[in-house]
Amino acid sequence: MDRSTGNSIQTAEISKEIKNHFDDLIHTLKQEIGAYGKLCNSFQTEKEVLMTSSMEDLIEHNLAKEACVRDVRILEEKRSVCADNIARALKLESDYVTLSTLVTYADDNRKAQLEECRSELSLLAGTAQKMNAHNKLLLEFCLQHVKQSFELITDLLTPCPTYMQTGMMNEANHQGHIISKVG
């Protein structure tokens, strides 16, 4: 058998293997885009739930959001495995491989799909971060308001001591207290 023929067959097999890995990566990226889209929708719903202050809705929503985050994490891991498979097939060091690096090895069709996925995924991930930060601020504001309300109620319901440690009557201003003890 001619060496050049053997090499071309081997190159064709590797090329097919690499194409399959790129197809897996593209498929995973599209799934990840869908998961990030769901996560962004989840953050929008969370904002609405926070505004309505329904505890049941908030608990239900948190469970759904946790499922979205779990899906995103699973797909990120799957994406990493796909990228490692491509890197191994291309004999690249997989520790330093990025999607931008891998795109340079893809054929034109897959390159276009990968670039589109990378762009959309980057946009969605950024949107998710911004929405999450906004909801965090909203939640912090709500918690601060609740804390201040509790402090106000506690202050209104806690009477000032009637007698000081010296035994003298406390002449503190009792105005604003709801409860006053008669003794």
Foldseek 3Di string as FASTA:
>chain_A
DDPVVVVVVVVVVLVVQLVVLLVQLLVLLVQLLVLLVVLLVLLVVCVVCLVVVDPVSNVVSVVVNVVSVVSNVVSVVSNLVSQVSNCVSVVHDSVPDDLVNVLVVDPPVSSVSSVVSVVSSVVSVVSSVVSVVVSVVSVVVVVVVVVVVVVLVCVQADFDDQADPVRDGDPDDRPNHPDDDDD
